[in-house]
Amino acid sequence: MNAASGPSAPRAPGPKAELRRRLLAAREETTAAERDRAGSAIRDAVAVLPRLSMGGTVAAYYSVGTEPDTRKLVAALWKQGVYVLLPVFLPGGALDWAAYEGPDGLAPARFGLLEPTGPRYGPDAVARAAAVVCPALAVDRAGRRLGKGAGCYDRALSLVGPNTLTLGVIYDTEFLDEVPAEPHDRPVQGVVTPGGGVRML
C-alpha cells in the first residue's frame, strides 16, 4: 500500500463539493449593487404569487453574505399580512422556526446568520406552511437542489406535504441542466432567479 492509497490519504472532493466550491467562488464576485437588484427582482416575482400573498404562512429565510437577497421579499410578505417563519439553526442540523416580526426582532447567530428572537414553534412548524422559500447554491431542471452540505433544508423539506409550494432561490447562472444528487436530497417544485422570475419544474 503506497502513501497515496493509504487510509490517511486525503480523498479527492466529490462532484458536489467541487460544484459548491465553484459556485461559492462565483458568488464572491457579485457586487452589493447586483445583490440589491437581485433582491428587488426576487421580491417582485415571488410576493405576488397567490400561494404566498393570501395571508397564510410562508417559511422563508433571511439572506446573508453573497446569497441572493431575500430580505426585501421577507419584508414585503410581512407587510402584506403574511405570517412569515424564519429558521433557527439547532445543534445537530435541524431547523426550528420562529415568526418574523420586523428587522428589530432579529439577532446575530452562528454562521453569520440573523435569526428571529421570538417564541419557537418546533421543527414541524414548516409542515403547516403554504410555501417554503429555501436557499440553494444551484437547482437543476428536475428540481434537484444543491445546498451548502449541512442537510438542514433536506430535513425541513422532508416534513412538508405535496401541496406545499417549495421554491429554491438562486442567481440566473446557478440554474443548471443537472445537479448531482443523493437519495436523501429533497427536490424543490420551482426555482426563483432575478432574471427569470419563478419557474415551476
N, C-alpha and C. Protein backbone atom coordinates (compact mmCIF):
# COMPACT_ATOMS: atom_id res chain seq x y z
N MET A 1 0.85 -1.19 0.00
CA MET A 1 0.00 0.00 0.00
C MET A 1 0.89 1.23 0.00
N ASN A 2 0.75 2.10 -0.99
CA ASN A 2 1.57 3.30 -1.01
C ASN A 2 0.86 4.44 -0.29
N ALA A 3 1.57 5.55 -0.14
CA ALA A 3 1.03 6.65 0.65
C ALA A 3 -0.26 7.20 0.04
N ALA A 4 -0.32 7.19 -1.28
CA ALA A 4 -1.50 7.77 -1.93
C ALA A 4 -2.75 6.96 -1.70
N SER A 5 -2.59 5.64 -1.46
CA SER A 5 -3.77 4.81 -1.28
C SER A 5 -4.01 4.42 0.16
N GLY A 6 -3.18 4.88 1.06
CA GLY A 6 -3.32 4.54 2.47
C GLY A 6 -4.53 5.20 3.09
N PRO A 7 -4.93 4.75 4.28
CA PRO A 7 -6.14 5.25 4.91
C PRO A 7 -6.08 6.73 5.26
N SER A 8 -4.87 7.29 5.41
CA SER A 8 -4.77 8.68 5.81
C SER A 8 -4.66 9.63 4.61
N ALA A 9 -4.65 9.08 3.40
CA ALA A 9 -4.52 9.93 2.22
C ALA A 9 -5.80 10.75 2.04
N PRO A 10 -5.67 12.02 1.70
CA PRO A 10 -6.87 12.84 1.51
C PRO A 10 -7.67 12.37 0.32
N ARG A 11 -8.97 12.38 0.48
CA ARG A 11 -9.85 11.96 -0.60
C ARG A 11 -10.08 13.13 -1.55
N ALA A 12 -10.18 12.82 -2.81
CA ALA A 12 -10.50 13.85 -3.79
C ALA A 12 -11.92 14.34 -3.54
N PRO A 13 -12.15 15.63 -3.70
CA PRO A 13 -13.52 16.12 -3.50
C PRO A 13 -14.48 15.51 -4.49
N GLY A 14 -15.70 15.18 -4.00
CA GLY A 14 -16.72 14.63 -4.87
C GLY A 14 -17.31 15.70 -5.76
N PRO A 15 -18.21 15.30 -6.66
CA PRO A 15 -18.79 16.27 -7.59
C PRO A 15 -19.58 17.38 -6.90
N LYS A 16 -20.25 17.06 -5.79
CA LYS A 16 -20.99 18.09 -5.06
C LYS A 16 -20.04 19.12 -4.47
N ALA A 17 -18.97 18.64 -3.84
CA ALA A 17 -18.03 19.56 -3.20
C ALA A 17 -17.36 20.47 -4.22
N GLU A 18 -17.00 19.92 -5.35
CA GLU A 18 -16.35 20.72 -6.38
C GLU A 18 -17.32 21.75 -6.95
N LEU A 19 -18.57 21.35 -7.16
CA LEU A 19 -19.56 22.29 -7.68
C LEU A 19 -19.83 23.39 -6.65
N ARG A 20 -19.94 23.02 -5.39
CA ARG A 20 -20.12 24.03 -4.35
C ARG A 20 -18.97 25.04 -4.36
N ARG A 21 -17.76 24.54 -4.46
CA ARG A 21 -16.59 25.42 -4.44
C ARG A 21 -16.67 26.43 -5.58
N ARG A 22 -17.01 25.95 -6.77
CA ARG A 22 -17.07 26.85 -7.93
C ARG A 22 -18.19 27.88 -7.78
N LEU A 23 -19.34 27.44 -7.30
CA LEU A 23 -20.48 28.34 -7.17
C LEU A 23 -20.24 29.40 -6.09
N LEU A 24 -19.65 28.98 -4.97
CA LEU A 24 -19.36 29.94 -3.92
C LEU A 24 -18.31 30.95 -4.36
N ALA A 25 -17.33 30.49 -5.13
CA ALA A 25 -16.31 31.41 -5.66
C ALA A 25 -16.95 32.43 -6.59
N ALA A 26 -17.89 31.97 -7.42
CA ALA A 26 -18.57 32.89 -8.33
C ALA A 26 -19.41 33.90 -7.55
N ARG A 27 -20.04 33.46 -6.47
CA ARG A 27 -20.82 34.40 -5.67
C ARG A 27 -19.96 35.49 -5.05
N GLU A 28 -18.74 35.14 -4.73
CA GLU A 28 -17.85 36.14 -4.14
C GLU A 28 -17.58 37.29 -5.11
N GLU A 29 -17.80 37.04 -6.39
CA GLU A 29 -17.56 38.08 -7.40
C GLU A 29 -18.75 39.02 -7.56
N THR A 30 -19.90 38.69 -6.97
CA THR A 30 -21.06 39.57 -7.10
C THR A 30 -20.85 40.83 -6.27
N THR A 31 -21.41 41.93 -6.74
CA THR A 31 -21.30 43.20 -6.03
C THR A 31 -22.55 43.44 -5.19
N ALA A 32 -22.43 44.39 -4.26
CA ALA A 32 -23.59 44.74 -3.43
C ALA A 32 -24.72 45.25 -4.30
N ALA A 33 -24.40 45.99 -5.35
CA ALA A 33 -25.44 46.51 -6.25
C ALA A 33 -26.14 45.37 -6.98
N GLU A 34 -25.40 44.37 -7.40
CA GLU A 34 -26.01 43.22 -8.08
C GLU A 34 -26.93 42.47 -7.13
N ARG A 35 -26.50 42.30 -5.90
CA ARG A 35 -27.33 41.59 -4.93
C ARG A 35 -28.59 42.39 -4.61
N ASP A 36 -28.45 43.72 -4.57
CA ASP A 36 -29.61 44.57 -4.31
C ASP A 36 -30.62 44.46 -5.44
N ARG A 37 -30.14 44.51 -6.68
CA ARG A 37 -31.04 44.37 -7.83
C ARG A 37 -31.69 43.00 -7.84
N ALA A 38 -30.91 41.97 -7.50
CA ALA A 38 -31.47 40.62 -7.43
C ALA A 38 -32.59 40.54 -6.40
N GLY A 39 -32.38 41.20 -5.26
CA GLY A 39 -33.40 41.18 -4.20
C GLY A 39 -34.69 41.83 -4.64
N SER A 40 -34.60 42.92 -5.38
CA SER A 40 -35.81 43.58 -5.87
C SER A 40 -36.55 42.70 -6.86
N ALA A 41 -35.80 42.06 -7.76
CA ALA A 41 -36.43 41.20 -8.76
C ALA A 41 -37.07 39.98 -8.12
N ILE A 42 -36.39 39.39 -7.16
CA ILE A 42 -36.93 38.21 -6.46
C ILE A 42 -38.20 38.59 -5.70
N ARG A 43 -38.16 39.71 -5.00
CA ARG A 43 -39.36 40.19 -4.29
C ARG A 43 -40.53 40.37 -5.25
N ASP A 44 -40.27 41.06 -6.37
CA ASP A 44 -41.35 41.37 -7.30
C ASP A 44 -41.94 40.11 -7.93
N ALA A 45 -41.11 39.09 -8.12
CA ALA A 45 -41.59 37.85 -8.75
C ALA A 45 -42.35 36.97 -7.77
N VAL A 46 -41.92 36.94 -6.52
CA VAL A 46 -42.46 35.97 -5.57
C VAL A 46 -43.61 36.52 -4.74
N ALA A 47 -43.52 37.78 -4.35
CA ALA A 47 -44.51 38.33 -3.41
C ALA A 47 -45.91 38.38 -4.00
N VAL A 48 -46.04 38.32 -5.33
CA VAL A 48 -47.37 38.37 -5.96
C VAL A 48 -47.99 36.99 -6.17
N LEU A 49 -47.24 35.93 -5.90
CA LEU A 49 -47.80 34.59 -6.08
C LEU A 49 -48.97 34.39 -5.12
N PRO A 50 -50.13 33.94 -5.61
CA PRO A 50 -51.27 33.78 -4.72
C PRO A 50 -50.99 32.90 -3.51
N ARG A 51 -50.22 31.84 -3.69
CA ARG A 51 -49.94 30.92 -2.59
C ARG A 51 -49.19 31.63 -1.46
N LEU A 52 -48.45 32.68 -1.78
CA LEU A 52 -47.67 33.39 -0.79
C LEU A 52 -48.34 34.66 -0.30
N SER A 53 -49.16 35.26 -1.12
CA SER A 53 -49.69 36.60 -0.80
C SER A 53 -51.07 36.59 -0.17
N MET A 54 -51.64 35.42 0.07
CA MET A 54 -53.03 35.35 0.55
C MET A 54 -53.15 35.43 2.06
N GLY A 55 -52.06 35.76 2.76
CA GLY A 55 -52.15 35.94 4.20
C GLY A 55 -51.97 34.69 5.02
N GLY A 56 -51.51 33.60 4.41
CA GLY A 56 -51.25 32.38 5.17
C GLY A 56 -49.86 32.39 5.78
N THR A 57 -49.25 31.22 5.88
CA THR A 57 -47.93 31.07 6.47
C THR A 57 -46.92 30.71 5.39
N VAL A 58 -45.80 31.42 5.39
CA VAL A 58 -44.70 31.14 4.47
C VAL A 58 -43.43 30.95 5.29
N ALA A 59 -42.75 29.86 5.08
CA ALA A 59 -41.43 29.64 5.68
C ALA A 59 -40.39 30.15 4.70
N ALA A 60 -39.59 31.11 5.12
CA ALA A 60 -38.60 31.71 4.24
C ALA A 60 -37.25 31.73 4.96
N TYR A 61 -36.33 32.52 4.47
CA TYR A 61 -35.04 32.68 5.14
C TYR A 61 -34.55 34.09 4.90
N TYR A 62 -33.68 34.57 5.79
CA TYR A 62 -33.16 35.93 5.75
C TYR A 62 -31.74 35.85 5.22
N SER A 63 -31.55 36.30 3.99
CA SER A 63 -30.26 36.11 3.31
C SER A 63 -29.13 36.84 4.02
N VAL A 64 -27.93 36.27 3.87
CA VAL A 64 -26.71 36.89 4.40
C VAL A 64 -25.61 36.76 3.36
N GLY A 65 -24.60 37.60 3.51
CA GLY A 65 -23.41 37.49 2.67
C GLY A 65 -23.72 37.65 1.19
N THR A 66 -23.22 36.71 0.41
CA THR A 66 -23.35 36.79 -1.05
C THR A 66 -24.58 36.06 -1.58
N GLU A 67 -25.45 35.60 -0.70
CA GLU A 67 -26.68 34.94 -1.15
C GLU A 67 -27.56 35.94 -1.91
N PRO A 68 -28.37 35.47 -2.86
CA PRO A 68 -29.37 36.36 -3.45
C PRO A 68 -30.24 36.96 -2.34
N ASP A 69 -30.46 38.25 -2.40
CA ASP A 69 -31.15 38.95 -1.33
C ASP A 69 -32.61 38.50 -1.21
N THR A 70 -32.98 37.99 -0.03
CA THR A 70 -34.39 37.67 0.23
C THR A 70 -34.98 38.59 1.30
N ARG A 71 -34.21 39.54 1.79
CA ARG A 71 -34.70 40.41 2.86
C ARG A 71 -35.87 41.27 2.38
N LYS A 72 -35.79 41.73 1.14
CA LYS A 72 -36.89 42.53 0.59
C LYS A 72 -38.15 41.70 0.46
N LEU A 73 -38.01 40.43 0.07
CA LEU A 73 -39.16 39.54 -0.04
C LEU A 73 -39.79 39.31 1.32
N VAL A 74 -38.97 39.01 2.32
CA VAL A 74 -39.49 38.77 3.68
C VAL A 74 -40.26 39.99 4.17
N ALA A 75 -39.68 41.18 3.98
CA ALA A 75 -40.35 42.40 4.43
C ALA A 75 -41.66 42.63 3.69
N ALA A 76 -41.67 42.38 2.38
CA ALA A 76 -42.87 42.60 1.59
C ALA A 76 -43.99 41.66 2.00
N LEU A 77 -43.66 40.38 2.20
CA LEU A 77 -44.69 39.43 2.63
C LEU A 77 -45.25 39.81 3.99
N TRP A 78 -44.37 40.18 4.90
CA TRP A 78 -44.78 40.57 6.25
C TRP A 78 -45.72 41.77 6.21
N LYS A 79 -45.39 42.76 5.39
CA LYS A 79 -46.22 43.95 5.28
C LYS A 79 -47.57 43.65 4.63
N GLN A 80 -47.62 42.57 3.84
CA GLN A 80 -48.89 42.15 3.22
C GLN A 80 -49.76 41.35 4.19
N GLY A 81 -49.27 41.10 5.38
CA GLY A 81 -50.04 40.35 6.36
C GLY A 81 -49.76 38.86 6.36
N VAL A 82 -48.75 38.43 5.61
CA VAL A 82 -48.36 37.02 5.60
C VAL A 82 -47.63 36.70 6.90
N TYR A 83 -47.91 35.53 7.45
CA TYR A 83 -47.21 35.07 8.65
C TYR A 83 -45.92 34.40 8.18
N VAL A 84 -44.80 35.08 8.37
CA VAL A 84 -43.52 34.61 7.85
C VAL A 84 -42.73 33.92 8.96
N LEU A 85 -42.36 32.68 8.71
CA LEU A 85 -41.49 31.94 9.63
C LEU A 85 -40.06 31.97 9.10
N LEU A 86 -39.11 32.19 9.99
CA LEU A 86 -37.70 32.14 9.64
C LEU A 86 -37.01 31.05 10.45
N PRO A 87 -35.95 30.46 9.91
CA PRO A 87 -35.32 29.33 10.58
C PRO A 87 -34.41 29.75 11.73
N VAL A 88 -34.33 28.85 12.71
CA VAL A 88 -33.36 28.94 13.80
C VAL A 88 -32.59 27.63 13.78
N PHE A 89 -31.27 27.72 13.60
CA PHE A 89 -30.47 26.51 13.49
C PHE A 89 -30.27 25.86 14.85
N LEU A 90 -30.54 24.57 14.93
CA LEU A 90 -30.37 23.81 16.17
C LEU A 90 -29.11 22.97 16.11
N PRO A 91 -28.53 22.65 17.25
CA PRO A 91 -27.41 21.70 17.25
C PRO A 91 -27.84 20.39 16.60
N GLY A 92 -26.99 19.85 15.74
CA GLY A 92 -27.33 18.63 15.04
C GLY A 92 -27.87 18.86 13.64
N GLY A 93 -28.17 20.13 13.31
CA GLY A 93 -28.52 20.43 11.94
C GLY A 93 -29.99 20.57 11.63
N ALA A 94 -30.88 20.38 12.61
CA ALA A 94 -32.31 20.58 12.35
C ALA A 94 -32.62 22.07 12.38
N LEU A 95 -33.77 22.44 11.82
CA LEU A 95 -34.23 23.81 11.83
C LEU A 95 -35.47 23.95 12.71
N ASP A 96 -35.41 24.86 13.65
CA ASP A 96 -36.60 25.30 14.36
C ASP A 96 -37.12 26.51 13.60
N TRP A 97 -38.31 26.99 13.97
CA TRP A 97 -38.91 28.12 13.24
C TRP A 97 -39.53 29.09 14.22
N ALA A 98 -39.34 30.39 13.93
CA ALA A 98 -39.96 31.45 14.72
C ALA A 98 -40.47 32.53 13.78
N ALA A 99 -41.41 33.33 14.25
CA ALA A 99 -42.05 34.32 13.40
C ALA A 99 -41.14 35.52 13.18
N TYR A 100 -41.17 36.04 11.96
CA TYR A 100 -40.53 37.31 11.65
C TYR A 100 -41.44 38.43 12.12
N GLU A 101 -40.90 39.33 12.93
CA GLU A 101 -41.68 40.44 13.47
C GLU A 101 -40.97 41.76 13.19
N GLY A 102 -40.34 41.83 12.03
CA GLY A 102 -39.63 43.04 11.66
C GLY A 102 -38.14 42.91 11.92
N PRO A 103 -37.33 43.76 11.30
CA PRO A 103 -35.87 43.63 11.42
C PRO A 103 -35.36 43.81 12.85
N ASP A 104 -36.11 44.54 13.69
CA ASP A 104 -35.67 44.72 15.08
C ASP A 104 -35.83 43.44 15.89
N GLY A 105 -36.56 42.47 15.36
CA GLY A 105 -36.75 41.20 16.07
C GLY A 105 -35.76 40.13 15.66
N LEU A 106 -34.66 40.53 15.02
CA LEU A 106 -33.62 39.60 14.59
C LEU A 106 -32.35 39.85 15.39
N ALA A 107 -31.59 38.79 15.62
CA ALA A 107 -30.33 38.91 16.37
C ALA A 107 -29.25 38.08 15.67
N PRO A 108 -27.99 38.51 15.76
CA PRO A 108 -26.90 37.73 15.18
C PRO A 108 -26.83 36.33 15.79
N ALA A 109 -26.53 35.35 14.96
CA ALA A 109 -26.45 33.96 15.40
C ALA A 109 -25.22 33.30 14.77
N ARG A 110 -25.11 32.01 14.97
CA ARG A 110 -23.97 31.27 14.41
C ARG A 110 -23.94 31.38 12.90
N PHE A 111 -22.75 31.17 12.36
CA PHE A 111 -22.52 31.14 10.90
C PHE A 111 -22.82 32.48 10.23
N GLY A 112 -22.83 33.57 11.01
CA GLY A 112 -23.09 34.87 10.43
C GLY A 112 -24.54 35.14 10.11
N LEU A 113 -25.45 34.33 10.63
CA LEU A 113 -26.87 34.45 10.32
C LEU A 113 -27.55 35.47 11.22
N LEU A 114 -28.72 35.91 10.78
CA LEU A 114 -29.63 36.68 11.62
C LEU A 114 -30.86 35.82 11.85
N GLU A 115 -31.22 35.63 13.11
CA GLU A 115 -32.34 34.73 13.44
C GLU A 115 -33.38 35.47 14.28
N PRO A 116 -34.65 35.08 14.15
CA PRO A 116 -35.70 35.71 14.95
C PRO A 116 -35.56 35.35 16.42
N THR A 117 -35.90 36.30 17.28
CA THR A 117 -35.70 36.11 18.71
C THR A 117 -36.98 35.72 19.45
N GLY A 118 -38.09 35.63 18.75
CA GLY A 118 -39.37 35.34 19.39
C GLY A 118 -39.55 33.87 19.72
N PRO A 119 -40.75 33.49 20.15
CA PRO A 119 -41.02 32.09 20.51
C PRO A 119 -40.78 31.16 19.34
N ARG A 120 -40.28 29.99 19.66
CA ARG A 120 -40.04 28.99 18.62
C ARG A 120 -41.20 28.00 18.58
N TYR A 121 -41.48 27.52 17.36
CA TYR A 121 -42.65 26.68 17.16
C TYR A 121 -42.32 25.23 16.83
N GLY A 122 -41.05 24.87 16.82
CA GLY A 122 -40.67 23.49 16.59
C GLY A 122 -40.34 23.20 15.14
N PRO A 123 -39.53 22.18 14.88
CA PRO A 123 -39.14 21.86 13.51
C PRO A 123 -40.31 21.54 12.59
N ASP A 124 -41.39 20.99 13.15
CA ASP A 124 -42.51 20.59 12.29
C ASP A 124 -43.43 21.75 11.94
N ALA A 125 -43.12 22.96 12.41
CA ALA A 125 -43.94 24.12 12.04
C ALA A 125 -43.92 24.34 10.54
N VAL A 126 -42.83 23.95 9.89
CA VAL A 126 -42.72 24.13 8.45
C VAL A 126 -43.78 23.33 7.70
N ALA A 127 -44.26 22.25 8.31
CA ALA A 127 -45.26 21.40 7.65
C ALA A 127 -46.59 22.13 7.48
N ARG A 128 -46.81 23.20 8.24
CA ARG A 128 -48.08 23.93 8.16
C ARG A 128 -47.99 25.14 7.23
N ALA A 129 -46.84 25.31 6.59
CA ALA A 129 -46.66 26.45 5.70
C ALA A 129 -47.29 26.18 4.33
N ALA A 130 -47.85 27.22 3.74
CA ALA A 130 -48.37 27.09 2.38
C ALA A 130 -47.24 27.05 1.36
N ALA A 131 -46.10 27.66 1.73
CA ALA A 131 -44.95 27.68 0.82
C ALA A 131 -43.68 27.72 1.64
N VAL A 132 -42.62 27.17 1.06
CA VAL A 132 -41.29 27.21 1.67
C VAL A 132 -40.34 27.80 0.64
N VAL A 133 -39.72 28.91 1.01
CA VAL A 133 -38.73 29.57 0.16
C VAL A 133 -37.37 29.26 0.76
N CYS A 134 -36.56 28.46 0.05
CA CYS A 134 -35.34 27.96 0.68
C CYS A 134 -34.09 28.36 -0.11
N PRO A 135 -32.99 28.46 0.60
CA PRO A 135 -31.73 28.81 -0.06
C PRO A 135 -31.20 27.63 -0.87
N ALA A 136 -30.38 27.95 -1.84
CA ALA A 136 -29.72 26.92 -2.66
C ALA A 136 -28.49 27.54 -3.29
N LEU A 137 -27.56 26.69 -3.65
CA LEU A 137 -26.42 27.12 -4.46
C LEU A 137 -26.68 26.87 -5.93
N ALA A 138 -27.53 25.89 -6.21
CA ALA A 138 -27.92 25.59 -7.59
C ALA A 138 -29.19 24.75 -7.56
N VAL A 139 -29.95 24.84 -8.63
CA VAL A 139 -31.12 23.98 -8.84
C VAL A 139 -31.08 23.57 -10.30
N ASP A 140 -31.48 22.31 -10.57
CA ASP A 140 -31.49 21.89 -11.97
C ASP A 140 -32.92 21.78 -12.49
N ARG A 141 -33.03 21.37 -13.74
CA ARG A 141 -34.33 21.40 -14.41
C ARG A 141 -35.30 20.34 -13.87
N ALA A 142 -34.78 19.41 -13.08
CA ALA A 142 -35.65 18.43 -12.44
C ALA A 142 -35.99 18.82 -11.00
N GLY A 143 -35.53 19.99 -10.57
CA GLY A 143 -35.81 20.45 -9.22
C GLY A 143 -34.80 19.99 -8.19
N ARG A 144 -33.77 19.28 -8.63
CA ARG A 144 -32.74 18.87 -7.67
C ARG A 144 -32.00 20.10 -7.17
N ARG A 145 -31.85 20.20 -5.86
CA ARG A 145 -31.31 21.38 -5.21
C ARG A 145 -29.96 21.06 -4.56
N LEU A 146 -28.98 21.91 -4.80
CA LEU A 146 -27.69 21.79 -4.14
C LEU A 146 -27.61 22.83 -3.04
N GLY A 147 -27.48 22.37 -1.80
CA GLY A 147 -27.30 23.27 -0.67
C GLY A 147 -25.84 23.37 -0.28
N LYS A 148 -25.61 23.87 0.92
CA LYS A 148 -24.22 24.05 1.37
C LYS A 148 -23.65 22.80 2.04
N GLY A 149 -24.46 21.76 2.16
CA GLY A 149 -23.92 20.49 2.61
C GLY A 149 -24.31 20.06 4.00
N ALA A 150 -25.01 20.91 4.76
CA ALA A 150 -25.38 20.53 6.13
C ALA A 150 -26.63 19.67 6.18
N GLY A 151 -27.43 19.68 5.14
CA GLY A 151 -28.64 18.86 5.11
C GLY A 151 -29.82 19.46 5.84
N CYS A 152 -29.70 20.70 6.34
CA CYS A 152 -30.78 21.30 7.13
C CYS A 152 -32.08 21.40 6.35
N TYR A 153 -31.98 21.88 5.11
CA TYR A 153 -33.21 22.07 4.34
C TYR A 153 -33.73 20.77 3.75
N ASP A 154 -32.87 19.78 3.55
CA ASP A 154 -33.38 18.47 3.16
C ASP A 154 -34.27 17.91 4.27
N ARG A 155 -33.85 18.10 5.52
CA ARG A 155 -34.68 17.65 6.64
C ARG A 155 -35.99 18.43 6.69
N ALA A 156 -35.89 19.73 6.52
CA ALA A 156 -37.12 20.55 6.58
C ALA A 156 -38.07 20.20 5.45
N LEU A 157 -37.54 20.05 4.25
CA LEU A 157 -38.40 19.73 3.10
C LEU A 157 -39.03 18.35 3.23
N SER A 158 -38.40 17.47 3.97
CA SER A 158 -38.98 16.13 4.16
C SER A 158 -40.24 16.18 5.02
N LEU A 159 -40.48 17.30 5.72
CA LEU A 159 -41.62 17.42 6.62
C LEU A 159 -42.85 18.02 5.93
N VAL A 160 -42.68 18.59 4.74
CA VAL A 160 -43.81 19.25 4.10
C VAL A 160 -44.54 18.29 3.18
N GLY A 161 -45.82 18.57 2.97
CA GLY A 161 -46.64 17.71 2.12
C GLY A 161 -46.58 18.13 0.67
N PRO A 162 -47.22 17.35 -0.21
CA PRO A 162 -47.16 17.62 -1.64
C PRO A 162 -47.87 18.91 -2.05
N ASN A 163 -48.75 19.44 -1.20
CA ASN A 163 -49.47 20.66 -1.54
C ASN A 163 -48.75 21.93 -1.11
N THR A 164 -47.60 21.78 -0.46
CA THR A 164 -46.80 22.93 -0.08
C THR A 164 -45.89 23.31 -1.24
N LEU A 165 -45.96 24.57 -1.65
CA LEU A 165 -45.10 25.06 -2.73
C LEU A 165 -43.68 25.24 -2.20
N THR A 166 -42.71 24.63 -2.85
CA THR A 166 -41.31 24.75 -2.43
C THR A 166 -40.50 25.39 -3.55
N LEU A 167 -39.80 26.47 -3.21
CA LEU A 167 -39.05 27.25 -4.18
C LEU A 167 -37.61 27.41 -3.72
N GLY A 168 -36.67 27.19 -4.63
CA GLY A 168 -35.27 27.47 -4.37
C GLY A 168 -34.88 28.81 -4.98
N VAL A 169 -34.13 29.62 -4.23
CA VAL A 169 -33.73 30.95 -4.69
C VAL A 169 -32.26 30.92 -5.10
N ILE A 170 -31.99 31.29 -6.34
CA ILE A 170 -30.62 31.26 -6.87
C ILE A 170 -30.43 32.40 -7.85
N TYR A 171 -29.17 32.62 -8.22
CA TYR A 171 -28.87 33.53 -9.32
C TYR A 171 -29.14 32.82 -10.65
N ASP A 172 -29.27 33.61 -11.70
CA ASP A 172 -29.59 33.04 -13.02
C ASP A 172 -28.55 32.01 -13.47
N THR A 173 -27.28 32.27 -13.21
CA THR A 173 -26.22 31.36 -13.65
C THR A 173 -26.19 30.06 -12.86
N GLU A 174 -26.98 29.96 -11.80
CA GLU A 174 -26.99 28.76 -10.96
C GLU A 174 -28.15 27.82 -11.28
N PHE A 175 -28.92 28.16 -12.29
CA PHE A 175 -29.96 27.25 -12.79
C PHE A 175 -29.30 26.36 -13.83
N LEU A 176 -29.07 25.09 -13.46
CA LEU A 176 -28.23 24.20 -14.25
C LEU A 176 -29.04 23.08 -14.89
N ASP A 177 -28.43 22.46 -15.88
CA ASP A 177 -29.09 21.32 -16.52
C ASP A 177 -29.18 20.13 -15.58
N GLU A 178 -28.15 19.95 -14.77
CA GLU A 178 -28.14 18.79 -13.85
C GLU A 178 -27.30 19.11 -12.64
N VAL A 179 -27.81 18.71 -11.47
CA VAL A 179 -27.11 18.85 -10.20
C VAL A 179 -26.92 17.45 -9.62
N PRO A 180 -25.71 17.11 -9.15
CA PRO A 180 -25.52 15.79 -8.54
C PRO A 180 -26.39 15.64 -7.30
N ALA A 181 -27.01 14.49 -7.15
CA ALA A 181 -27.95 14.28 -6.05
C ALA A 181 -27.72 12.91 -5.41
N GLU A 182 -28.14 12.81 -4.16
CA GLU A 182 -28.09 11.56 -3.40
C GLU A 182 -29.50 11.23 -2.94
N PRO A 183 -29.72 9.99 -2.46
CA PRO A 183 -31.08 9.59 -2.11
C PRO A 183 -31.76 10.48 -1.07
N HIS A 184 -30.99 11.06 -0.14
CA HIS A 184 -31.61 11.87 0.91
C HIS A 184 -31.94 13.28 0.45
N ASP A 185 -31.47 13.69 -0.72
CA ASP A 185 -31.71 15.05 -1.21
C ASP A 185 -33.17 15.23 -1.58
N ARG A 186 -33.74 16.36 -1.18
CA ARG A 186 -35.14 16.66 -1.46
C ARG A 186 -35.23 17.72 -2.55
N PRO A 187 -35.99 17.46 -3.60
CA PRO A 187 -36.11 18.45 -4.67
C PRO A 187 -37.07 19.58 -4.28
N VAL A 188 -37.03 20.64 -5.07
CA VAL A 188 -37.99 21.73 -4.92
C VAL A 188 -38.90 21.72 -6.15
N GLN A 189 -40.07 22.32 -6.00
CA GLN A 189 -41.04 22.33 -7.09
C GLN A 189 -40.77 23.44 -8.10
N GLY A 190 -40.07 24.48 -7.65
CA GLY A 190 -39.83 25.60 -8.54
C GLY A 190 -38.55 26.32 -8.17
N VAL A 191 -38.15 27.22 -9.05
CA VAL A 191 -36.93 27.99 -8.85
C VAL A 191 -37.25 29.46 -9.07
N VAL A 192 -36.54 30.32 -8.34
CA VAL A 192 -36.67 31.76 -8.48
C VAL A 192 -35.30 32.33 -8.82
N THR A 193 -35.22 33.05 -9.93
CA THR A 193 -33.99 33.74 -10.29
C THR A 193 -34.31 35.20 -10.61
N PRO A 194 -33.34 36.10 -10.44
CA PRO A 194 -33.62 37.52 -10.69
C PRO A 194 -34.05 37.78 -12.14
N GLY A 195 -33.43 37.10 -13.08
CA GLY A 195 -33.75 37.36 -14.48
C GLY A 195 -34.92 36.58 -15.02
N GLY A 196 -35.16 35.40 -14.46
CA GLY A 196 -36.19 34.52 -14.97
C GLY A 196 -37.46 34.46 -14.16
N GLY A 197 -37.46 35.09 -12.98
CA GLY A 197 -38.63 35.04 -12.12
C GLY A 197 -38.86 33.64 -11.58
N VAL A 198 -40.12 33.28 -11.42
CA VAL A 198 -40.50 31.97 -10.89
C VAL A 198 -40.74 31.01 -12.03
N ARG A 199 -40.07 29.85 -11.97
CA ARG A 199 -40.29 28.80 -12.95
C ARG A 199 -40.62 27.52 -12.21
N MET A 200 -41.74 26.92 -12.54
CA MET A 200 -42.10 25.64 -11.95
C MET A 200 -41.40 24.54 -12.74
N LEU A 201 -40.96 23.52 -12.03
CA LEU A 201 -40.13 22.47 -12.63
C LEU A 201 -40.86 21.15 -12.70
